[in-house]
């Protein structure tokens, strides 16, 4: 029974981590002037819009997976380099914030949750998974390899000046 609880709690943690990560990319791209995420219906917290089924299952069962990348068109940004840099880092920052905010919930569960066998076990595993997945997804996406966010951030910085005021 503990294995099933662990799988379910892990699944829900992955759903939250991946959804928030991809939503952050979509939201920041939209705010920087690119309407592509909105036209593709990715400017939403609906997890079904962000999932790649194989990536989600791998994440749940193997501990490593992916979501559908949010489509963006950097040419639509008001400021190409700034927009691409902000959009690339948005998911990483969202993962860091999720980890930062989930840790106090984990501590609350550990210290103050009454001992209700299945519920307490679920909450402990869920909050621990939310923290660890968020932090590991944050660090992993900082790697400068295509198609990760770290690569996109570096390519935004490496793009030659395109008529914007020097930053």
N, C-alpha and C. Protein backbone atom coordinates (compact mmCIF):
# COMPACT_ATOMS: atom_id res chain seq x y z
N UNK A 1 0.83 -1.20 0.00
CA UNK A 1 0.00 0.00 0.00
C UNK A 1 0.86 1.26 0.00
N UNK A 2 2.01 1.22 0.70
CA UNK A 2 2.89 2.39 0.73
C UNK A 2 3.41 2.74 -0.65
N UNK A 3 3.66 1.72 -1.49
CA UNK A 3 4.15 1.97 -2.83
C UNK A 3 3.10 2.73 -3.66
N UNK A 4 1.84 2.36 -3.52
CA UNK A 4 0.76 3.04 -4.25
C UNK A 4 0.64 4.48 -3.78
N UNK A 5 0.71 4.69 -2.47
CA UNK A 5 0.64 6.06 -1.94
C UNK A 5 1.81 6.88 -2.46
N UNK A 6 2.98 6.28 -2.49
CA UNK A 6 4.16 6.99 -2.99
C UNK A 6 4.01 7.34 -4.47
N UNK A 7 3.49 6.43 -5.26
CA UNK A 7 3.27 6.70 -6.68
C UNK A 7 2.26 7.82 -6.90
N UNK A 8 1.15 7.77 -6.18
CA UNK A 8 0.11 8.79 -6.33
C UNK A 8 0.62 10.15 -5.88
N UNK A 9 1.28 10.20 -4.74
CA UNK A 9 1.82 11.47 -4.23
C UNK A 9 2.87 12.02 -5.18
N UNK A 10 3.72 11.15 -5.68
CA UNK A 10 4.75 11.56 -6.63
C UNK A 10 4.12 12.09 -7.92
N UNK A 11 3.09 11.41 -8.38
CA UNK A 11 2.39 11.84 -9.60
C UNK A 11 1.82 13.26 -9.43
N UNK A 12 1.14 13.51 -8.32
CA UNK A 12 0.56 14.84 -8.10
C UNK A 12 1.65 15.91 -7.97
N UNK A 13 2.75 15.57 -7.35
CA UNK A 13 3.86 16.52 -7.24
C UNK A 13 4.42 16.85 -8.62
N UNK A 14 4.58 15.84 -9.45
CA UNK A 14 5.08 16.06 -10.81
C UNK A 14 4.11 16.92 -11.61
N UNK A 15 2.83 16.66 -11.47
CA UNK A 15 1.81 17.44 -12.17
C UNK A 15 1.95 18.92 -11.82
N UNK A 16 2.10 19.22 -10.55
CA UNK A 16 2.21 20.61 -10.12
C UNK A 16 3.51 21.23 -10.61
N UNK A 17 4.62 20.53 -10.46
CA UNK A 17 5.93 21.07 -10.85
C UNK A 17 5.99 21.37 -12.34
N UNK A 18 5.57 20.42 -13.16
CA UNK A 18 5.63 20.61 -14.61
C UNK A 18 4.66 21.68 -15.08
N UNK A 19 3.46 21.70 -14.52
CA UNK A 19 2.47 22.69 -14.93
C UNK A 19 2.94 24.10 -14.59
N UNK A 20 3.42 24.30 -13.38
CA UNK A 20 3.89 25.64 -12.99
C UNK A 20 5.09 26.07 -13.83
N UNK A 21 5.99 25.14 -14.13
CA UNK A 21 7.17 25.46 -14.93
C UNK A 21 6.77 25.94 -16.33
N UNK A 22 5.92 25.18 -16.98
CA UNK A 22 5.52 25.54 -18.35
C UNK A 22 4.61 26.78 -18.37
N UNK A 23 3.75 26.91 -17.37
CA UNK A 23 2.92 28.12 -17.30
C UNK A 23 3.78 29.36 -17.15
N UNK A 24 4.84 29.27 -16.35
CA UNK A 24 5.72 30.42 -16.15
C UNK A 24 6.35 30.85 -17.47
N UNK A 25 6.80 29.88 -18.27
CA UNK A 25 7.35 30.23 -19.59
C UNK A 25 6.29 30.94 -20.44
N UNK A 26 5.09 30.38 -20.48
CA UNK A 26 4.02 30.95 -21.30
C UNK A 26 3.65 32.35 -20.83
N UNK A 27 3.51 32.52 -19.53
CA UNK A 27 3.09 33.81 -18.98
C UNK A 27 4.13 34.90 -19.27
N UNK A 28 5.39 34.60 -19.04
CA UNK A 28 6.44 35.60 -19.26
C UNK A 28 6.58 35.91 -20.75
N UNK A 29 6.50 34.90 -21.60
CA UNK A 29 6.56 35.15 -23.04
C UNK A 29 5.41 36.07 -23.47
N UNK A 30 4.23 35.80 -22.95
CA UNK A 30 3.07 36.64 -23.26
C UNK A 30 3.28 38.08 -22.78
N UNK A 31 3.80 38.23 -21.57
CA UNK A 31 4.05 39.56 -21.02
C UNK A 31 5.15 40.30 -21.78
N UNK A 32 6.06 39.55 -22.41
CA UNK A 32 7.14 40.17 -23.19
C UNK A 32 6.71 40.47 -24.62
N UNK A 33 5.47 40.16 -24.97
CA UNK A 33 4.95 40.55 -26.27
C UNK A 33 4.66 39.43 -27.25
N UNK A 34 4.90 38.19 -26.88
CA UNK A 34 4.65 37.07 -27.78
C UNK A 34 3.29 36.45 -27.46
N UNK A 35 2.40 36.46 -28.44
CA UNK A 35 1.06 35.91 -28.24
C UNK A 35 0.97 34.42 -28.59
N UNK A 36 2.07 33.83 -29.03
CA UNK A 36 2.08 32.43 -29.45
C UNK A 36 1.57 31.48 -28.35
N UNK A 37 2.02 31.62 -27.09
CA UNK A 37 1.49 30.70 -26.07
C UNK A 37 -0.02 30.82 -25.89
N UNK A 38 -0.55 32.03 -26.01
CA UNK A 38 -1.99 32.21 -25.86
C UNK A 38 -2.74 31.59 -27.03
N UNK A 39 -2.23 31.77 -28.25
CA UNK A 39 -2.88 31.17 -29.42
C UNK A 39 -2.84 29.65 -29.39
N UNK A 40 -1.81 29.10 -28.77
CA UNK A 40 -1.68 27.65 -28.65
C UNK A 40 -2.33 27.10 -27.37
N UNK A 41 -3.07 27.95 -26.67
CA UNK A 41 -3.79 27.57 -25.45
C UNK A 41 -2.88 27.02 -24.37
N UNK A 42 -1.68 27.60 -24.25
CA UNK A 42 -0.71 27.16 -23.25
C UNK A 42 -0.60 28.16 -22.10
N UNK A 43 -1.32 29.27 -22.19
CA UNK A 43 -1.32 30.27 -21.14
C UNK A 43 -2.39 29.88 -20.12
N UNK A 44 -2.18 28.73 -19.50
CA UNK A 44 -3.17 28.16 -18.59
C UNK A 44 -2.48 27.32 -17.52
N UNK A 45 -3.17 27.16 -16.41
CA UNK A 45 -2.69 26.26 -15.35
C UNK A 45 -3.33 24.87 -15.47
N UNK A 46 -4.02 24.63 -16.57
CA UNK A 46 -4.60 23.32 -16.84
C UNK A 46 -3.48 22.35 -17.18
N UNK A 47 -3.22 21.37 -16.34
CA UNK A 47 -2.10 20.45 -16.57
C UNK A 47 -2.20 19.69 -17.89
N UNK A 48 -3.40 19.43 -18.36
CA UNK A 48 -3.57 18.64 -19.58
C UNK A 48 -2.96 19.35 -20.80
N UNK A 49 -2.86 20.65 -20.77
CA UNK A 49 -2.29 21.41 -21.88
C UNK A 49 -0.76 21.31 -21.92
N UNK A 50 -0.15 20.93 -20.82
CA UNK A 50 1.31 20.96 -20.73
C UNK A 50 1.96 19.58 -20.73
N UNK A 51 1.16 18.53 -20.69
CA UNK A 51 1.72 17.20 -20.53
C UNK A 51 2.14 16.55 -21.83
N UNK A 52 3.22 15.86 -21.75
CA UNK A 52 3.63 14.87 -22.72
C UNK A 52 3.46 13.56 -21.96
N UNK A 53 2.59 12.70 -22.42
CA UNK A 53 2.22 11.50 -21.66
C UNK A 53 3.43 10.64 -21.32
N UNK A 54 4.29 10.41 -22.28
CA UNK A 54 5.47 9.57 -22.03
C UNK A 54 6.38 10.26 -21.01
N UNK A 55 6.59 11.57 -21.14
CA UNK A 55 7.43 12.30 -20.21
C UNK A 55 6.88 12.28 -18.79
N UNK A 56 5.57 12.39 -18.67
CA UNK A 56 4.92 12.37 -17.36
C UNK A 56 5.05 11.00 -16.71
N UNK A 57 4.82 9.95 -17.47
CA UNK A 57 4.95 8.60 -16.93
C UNK A 57 6.39 8.30 -16.53
N UNK A 58 7.33 8.74 -17.36
CA UNK A 58 8.74 8.54 -17.01
C UNK A 58 9.08 9.29 -15.73
N UNK A 59 8.59 10.50 -15.61
CA UNK A 59 8.88 11.29 -14.42
C UNK A 59 8.32 10.59 -13.18
N UNK A 60 7.11 10.07 -13.28
CA UNK A 60 6.47 9.43 -12.14
C UNK A 60 7.16 8.11 -11.76
N UNK A 61 7.49 7.28 -12.73
CA UNK A 61 8.01 5.95 -12.43
C UNK A 61 9.54 5.89 -12.36
N UNK A 62 10.22 6.74 -13.13
CA UNK A 62 11.67 6.68 -13.20
C UNK A 62 12.33 7.84 -12.45
N UNK A 63 11.58 8.93 -12.27
CA UNK A 63 12.15 10.09 -11.59
C UNK A 63 12.79 11.08 -12.54
N UNK A 64 12.66 10.85 -13.84
CA UNK A 64 13.20 11.75 -14.85
C UNK A 64 12.19 11.81 -15.99
N UNK A 65 11.83 13.02 -16.42
CA UNK A 65 10.84 13.15 -17.48
C UNK A 65 10.82 14.55 -18.05
N UNK A 66 9.74 14.86 -18.76
CA UNK A 66 9.63 16.15 -19.44
C UNK A 66 8.17 16.50 -19.66
N UNK A 67 7.96 17.75 -20.06
CA UNK A 67 6.64 18.23 -20.44
C UNK A 67 6.75 18.76 -21.86
N UNK A 68 5.60 19.08 -22.46
CA UNK A 68 5.64 19.69 -23.79
C UNK A 68 6.19 21.10 -23.65
N UNK A 69 7.22 21.43 -24.42
CA UNK A 69 7.73 22.81 -24.35
C UNK A 69 6.69 23.81 -24.84
N UNK A 70 6.65 24.96 -24.22
CA UNK A 70 5.73 26.02 -24.63
C UNK A 70 6.26 26.63 -25.93
N UNK A 71 5.43 26.65 -26.97
CA UNK A 71 5.90 27.26 -28.21
C UNK A 71 5.97 28.79 -28.06
N UNK A 72 7.10 29.34 -28.44
CA UNK A 72 7.26 30.80 -28.43
C UNK A 72 7.89 31.22 -29.74
N UNK A 73 7.71 32.48 -30.07
CA UNK A 73 8.37 33.08 -31.22
C UNK A 73 9.12 34.30 -30.72
N UNK A 74 10.41 34.18 -30.49
CA UNK A 74 11.19 35.29 -29.93
C UNK A 74 11.16 36.54 -30.79
N UNK A 75 10.86 36.40 -32.07
CA UNK A 75 10.78 37.57 -32.94
C UNK A 75 9.60 38.47 -32.58
N UNK A 76 8.65 37.95 -31.82
CA UNK A 76 7.51 38.75 -31.39
C UNK A 76 7.78 39.55 -30.12
N UNK A 77 8.88 39.27 -29.44
CA UNK A 77 9.19 39.98 -28.21
C UNK A 77 9.45 41.45 -28.51
N UNK A 78 9.05 42.30 -27.59
CA UNK A 78 9.33 43.73 -27.73
C UNK A 78 10.83 43.98 -27.76
N UNK A 79 11.55 43.25 -26.93
CA UNK A 79 13.01 43.29 -26.89
C UNK A 79 13.48 41.85 -26.97
N UNK A 80 14.05 41.49 -28.10
CA UNK A 80 14.37 40.09 -28.38
C UNK A 80 15.19 39.44 -27.26
N UNK A 81 16.36 39.99 -26.98
CA UNK A 81 17.26 39.36 -26.00
C UNK A 81 16.66 39.34 -24.61
N UNK A 82 16.10 40.45 -24.19
CA UNK A 82 15.51 40.51 -22.85
C UNK A 82 14.33 39.55 -22.74
N UNK A 83 13.47 39.53 -23.76
CA UNK A 83 12.31 38.64 -23.74
C UNK A 83 12.71 37.18 -23.70
N UNK A 84 13.70 36.81 -24.52
CA UNK A 84 14.15 35.41 -24.54
C UNK A 84 14.82 35.04 -23.23
N UNK A 85 15.61 35.95 -22.68
CA UNK A 85 16.28 35.67 -21.40
C UNK A 85 15.26 35.52 -20.27
N UNK A 86 14.29 36.42 -20.21
CA UNK A 86 13.26 36.34 -19.16
C UNK A 86 12.41 35.08 -19.31
N UNK A 87 12.03 34.78 -20.55
CA UNK A 87 11.20 33.60 -20.78
C UNK A 87 11.95 32.32 -20.43
N UNK A 88 13.23 32.27 -20.77
CA UNK A 88 14.04 31.08 -20.48
C UNK A 88 14.19 30.86 -18.99
N UNK A 89 14.36 31.92 -18.24
CA UNK A 89 14.58 31.77 -16.79
C UNK A 89 13.29 31.65 -16.00
N UNK A 90 12.15 31.95 -16.61
CA UNK A 90 10.88 31.94 -15.87
C UNK A 90 10.57 30.58 -15.27
N UNK A 91 10.75 29.51 -16.03
CA UNK A 91 10.46 28.17 -15.51
C UNK A 91 11.37 27.78 -14.37
N UNK A 92 12.65 28.13 -14.51
CA UNK A 92 13.63 27.81 -13.47
C UNK A 92 13.30 28.58 -12.18
N UNK A 93 12.97 29.84 -12.33
CA UNK A 93 12.62 30.65 -11.16
C UNK A 93 11.34 30.12 -10.51
N UNK A 94 10.37 29.73 -11.33
CA UNK A 94 9.13 29.17 -10.78
C UNK A 94 9.42 27.88 -10.01
N UNK A 95 10.31 27.04 -10.53
CA UNK A 95 10.66 25.81 -9.81
C UNK A 95 11.35 26.12 -8.49
N UNK A 96 12.22 27.11 -8.49
CA UNK A 96 12.90 27.49 -7.25
C UNK A 96 11.90 28.01 -6.24
N UNK A 97 10.97 28.86 -6.68
CA UNK A 97 9.95 29.39 -5.77
C UNK A 97 9.04 28.28 -5.24
N UNK A 98 8.71 27.34 -6.09
CA UNK A 98 7.88 26.21 -5.66
C UNK A 98 8.60 25.41 -4.58
N UNK A 99 9.88 25.16 -4.80
CA UNK A 99 10.66 24.43 -3.79
C UNK A 99 10.73 25.24 -2.50
N UNK A 100 10.99 26.52 -2.62
CA UNK A 100 11.11 27.40 -1.46
C UNK A 100 9.81 27.45 -0.66
N UNK A 101 8.67 27.46 -1.36
CA UNK A 101 7.38 27.54 -0.68
C UNK A 101 6.88 26.18 -0.19
N UNK A 102 7.33 25.10 -0.82
CA UNK A 102 6.85 23.78 -0.39
C UNK A 102 7.58 23.27 0.84
N UNK A 103 8.77 23.75 1.08
CA UNK A 103 9.52 23.29 2.26
C UNK A 103 8.81 23.61 3.58
N UNK A 104 8.26 24.83 3.75
CA UNK A 104 7.51 25.08 5.00
C UNK A 104 6.29 24.16 5.16
N UNK A 105 5.63 23.82 4.04
CA UNK A 105 4.50 22.89 4.14
C UNK A 105 4.97 21.51 4.58
N UNK A 106 6.11 21.09 4.09
CA UNK A 106 6.68 19.82 4.53
C UNK A 106 6.96 19.86 6.03
N UNK A 107 7.54 20.95 6.48
CA UNK A 107 7.85 21.08 7.91
C UNK A 107 6.57 21.10 8.76
N UNK A 108 5.52 21.73 8.26
CA UNK A 108 4.24 21.73 8.97
C UNK A 108 3.68 20.31 9.08
N UNK A 109 3.75 19.57 8.00
CA UNK A 109 3.25 18.19 8.02
C UNK A 109 4.07 17.35 9.00
N UNK A 110 5.38 17.49 8.95
CA UNK A 110 6.24 16.71 9.84
C UNK A 110 5.96 17.03 11.31
N UNK A 111 5.80 18.30 11.62
CA UNK A 111 5.69 18.71 13.02
C UNK A 111 4.28 18.76 13.59
N UNK A 112 3.27 19.01 12.74
CA UNK A 112 1.94 19.27 13.30
C UNK A 112 0.82 18.41 12.76
N UNK A 113 1.07 17.59 11.78
CA UNK A 113 0.00 16.78 11.21
C UNK A 113 -0.34 15.62 12.15
N UNK A 114 -1.61 15.45 12.48
CA UNK A 114 -1.98 14.32 13.33
C UNK A 114 -1.71 13.00 12.60
N UNK A 115 -1.47 11.97 13.34
CA UNK A 115 -1.11 10.68 12.77
C UNK A 115 -2.36 9.97 12.25
N UNK A 116 -2.69 10.27 10.99
CA UNK A 116 -3.76 9.57 10.28
C UNK A 116 -3.04 8.74 9.22
N UNK A 117 -3.00 7.43 9.36
CA UNK A 117 -2.06 6.60 8.61
C UNK A 117 -1.90 6.92 7.12
N UNK A 118 -2.90 6.81 6.32
CA UNK A 118 -2.74 7.02 4.89
C UNK A 118 -2.56 8.49 4.54
N UNK A 119 -3.31 9.34 5.18
CA UNK A 119 -3.25 10.78 4.88
C UNK A 119 -1.89 11.36 5.25
N UNK A 120 -1.39 11.05 6.41
CA UNK A 120 -0.10 11.58 6.85
C UNK A 120 1.02 11.09 5.94
N UNK A 121 0.97 9.82 5.59
CA UNK A 121 1.97 9.27 4.68
C UNK A 121 1.92 9.96 3.33
N UNK A 122 0.70 10.15 2.80
CA UNK A 122 0.54 10.84 1.52
C UNK A 122 1.09 12.26 1.58
N UNK A 123 0.72 13.00 2.61
CA UNK A 123 1.17 14.40 2.73
C UNK A 123 2.68 14.51 2.87
N UNK A 124 3.27 13.61 3.64
CA UNK A 124 4.74 13.62 3.78
C UNK A 124 5.43 13.36 2.45
N UNK A 125 4.98 12.36 1.75
CA UNK A 125 5.60 12.02 0.47
C UNK A 125 5.32 13.11 -0.56
N UNK A 126 4.10 13.63 -0.57
CA UNK A 126 3.74 14.67 -1.54
C UNK A 126 4.58 15.94 -1.34
N UNK A 127 4.66 16.44 -0.12
CA UNK A 127 5.41 17.68 0.11
C UNK A 127 6.91 17.47 -0.09
N UNK A 128 7.42 16.31 0.31
CA UNK A 128 8.84 16.01 0.06
C UNK A 128 9.11 15.92 -1.44
N UNK A 129 8.23 15.27 -2.17
CA UNK A 129 8.40 15.14 -3.62
C UNK A 129 8.27 16.48 -4.31
N UNK A 130 7.33 17.29 -3.87
CA UNK A 130 7.15 18.62 -4.45
C UNK A 130 8.43 19.43 -4.29
N UNK A 131 9.02 19.38 -3.12
CA UNK A 131 10.27 20.09 -2.88
C UNK A 131 11.41 19.53 -3.73
N UNK A 132 11.60 18.23 -3.67
CA UNK A 132 12.76 17.64 -4.37
C UNK A 132 12.62 17.72 -5.88
N UNK A 133 11.43 17.48 -6.42
CA UNK A 133 11.24 17.59 -7.88
C UNK A 133 11.43 19.03 -8.33
N UNK A 134 10.90 19.97 -7.58
CA UNK A 134 11.04 21.37 -7.95
C UNK A 134 12.50 21.78 -7.99
N UNK A 135 13.22 21.42 -6.96
CA UNK A 135 14.63 21.81 -6.90
C UNK A 135 15.47 21.09 -7.95
N UNK A 136 15.23 19.82 -8.15
CA UNK A 136 16.01 19.10 -9.16
C UNK A 136 15.66 19.57 -10.57
N UNK A 137 14.41 19.87 -10.83
CA UNK A 137 14.00 20.38 -12.14
C UNK A 137 14.61 21.76 -12.38
N UNK A 138 14.69 22.56 -11.33
CA UNK A 138 15.32 23.88 -11.41
C UNK A 138 16.79 23.75 -11.79
N UNK A 139 17.52 22.94 -11.07
CA UNK A 139 18.96 22.78 -11.32
C UNK A 139 19.21 22.14 -12.68
N UNK A 140 18.45 21.11 -13.01
CA UNK A 140 18.64 20.43 -14.29
C UNK A 140 18.43 21.38 -15.47
N UNK A 141 17.39 22.21 -15.39
CA UNK A 141 17.09 23.12 -16.49
C UNK A 141 18.10 24.25 -16.63
N UNK A 142 18.96 24.45 -15.65
CA UNK A 142 20.01 25.45 -15.77
C UNK A 142 21.18 24.98 -16.63
N UNK A 143 21.25 23.69 -16.90
CA UNK A 143 22.35 23.17 -17.72
C UNK A 143 22.30 23.79 -19.11
N UNK A 144 23.46 24.16 -19.65
CA UNK A 144 23.48 24.86 -20.95
C UNK A 144 23.47 23.92 -22.16
N UNK A 145 22.54 22.99 -22.19
CA UNK A 145 22.42 22.06 -23.31
C UNK A 145 21.07 22.25 -23.97
N UNK A 146 21.06 22.20 -25.30
CA UNK A 146 19.80 22.31 -26.03
C UNK A 146 18.94 21.10 -25.70
N UNK A 147 17.67 21.23 -25.47
CA UNK A 147 16.77 22.37 -25.50
C UNK A 147 16.47 22.94 -24.10
N UNK A 148 17.35 22.76 -23.15
CA UNK A 148 17.10 23.20 -21.78
C UNK A 148 17.12 24.72 -21.67
N UNK A 149 16.57 25.22 -20.57
CA UNK A 149 16.44 26.66 -20.37
C UNK A 149 17.78 27.36 -20.27
N UNK A 150 18.78 26.70 -19.72
CA UNK A 150 20.11 27.30 -19.62
C UNK A 150 20.69 27.59 -20.99
N UNK A 151 20.46 26.71 -21.94
CA UNK A 151 20.92 26.92 -23.31
C UNK A 151 20.22 28.13 -23.93
N UNK A 152 18.90 28.20 -23.76
CA UNK A 152 18.15 29.32 -24.33
C UNK A 152 18.57 30.65 -23.71
N UNK A 153 18.86 30.63 -22.42
CA UNK A 153 19.31 31.85 -21.75
C UNK A 153 20.65 32.30 -22.31
N UNK A 154 21.59 31.37 -22.46
CA UNK A 154 22.90 31.72 -23.01
C UNK A 154 22.79 32.18 -24.46
N UNK A 155 21.92 31.56 -25.23
CA UNK A 155 21.76 31.99 -26.62
C UNK A 155 21.14 33.37 -26.69
N UNK A 156 20.29 33.73 -25.74
CA UNK A 156 19.74 35.09 -25.70
C UNK A 156 20.85 36.10 -25.42
N UNK A 157 21.76 35.75 -24.53
CA UNK A 157 22.87 36.66 -24.21
C UNK A 157 23.88 36.73 -25.35
N UNK A 158 24.03 35.66 -26.11
CA UNK A 158 25.03 35.61 -27.18
C UNK A 158 24.54 36.24 -28.48
N UNK A 159 23.24 36.47 -28.58
CA UNK A 159 22.68 37.07 -29.80
C UNK A 159 23.28 38.45 -30.00
N UNK A 160 23.76 38.75 -31.21
CA UNK A 160 24.32 40.08 -31.45
C UNK A 160 23.26 41.16 -31.32
N UNK A 161 23.71 42.34 -31.09
CA UNK A 161 22.82 43.48 -30.93
C UNK A 161 21.90 43.60 -32.12
N UNK A 162 20.59 43.80 -31.88
CA UNK A 162 19.61 43.83 -32.97
C UNK A 162 18.81 45.11 -32.99
N UNK A 163 19.45 46.21 -32.71
CA UNK A 163 18.75 47.49 -32.77
C UNK A 163 18.22 47.97 -31.43
N UNK A 164 18.33 47.13 -30.39
CA UNK A 164 17.88 47.55 -29.07
C UNK A 164 18.95 48.46 -28.47
N UNK A 165 18.57 49.22 -27.49
CA UNK A 165 19.55 50.00 -26.76
C UNK A 165 20.48 49.03 -26.03
N UNK A 166 21.73 49.36 -26.00
CA UNK A 166 22.68 48.48 -25.32
C UNK A 166 22.31 48.35 -23.86
N UNK A 167 22.34 47.13 -23.38
CA UNK A 167 21.93 46.86 -21.99
C UNK A 167 23.12 46.79 -21.08
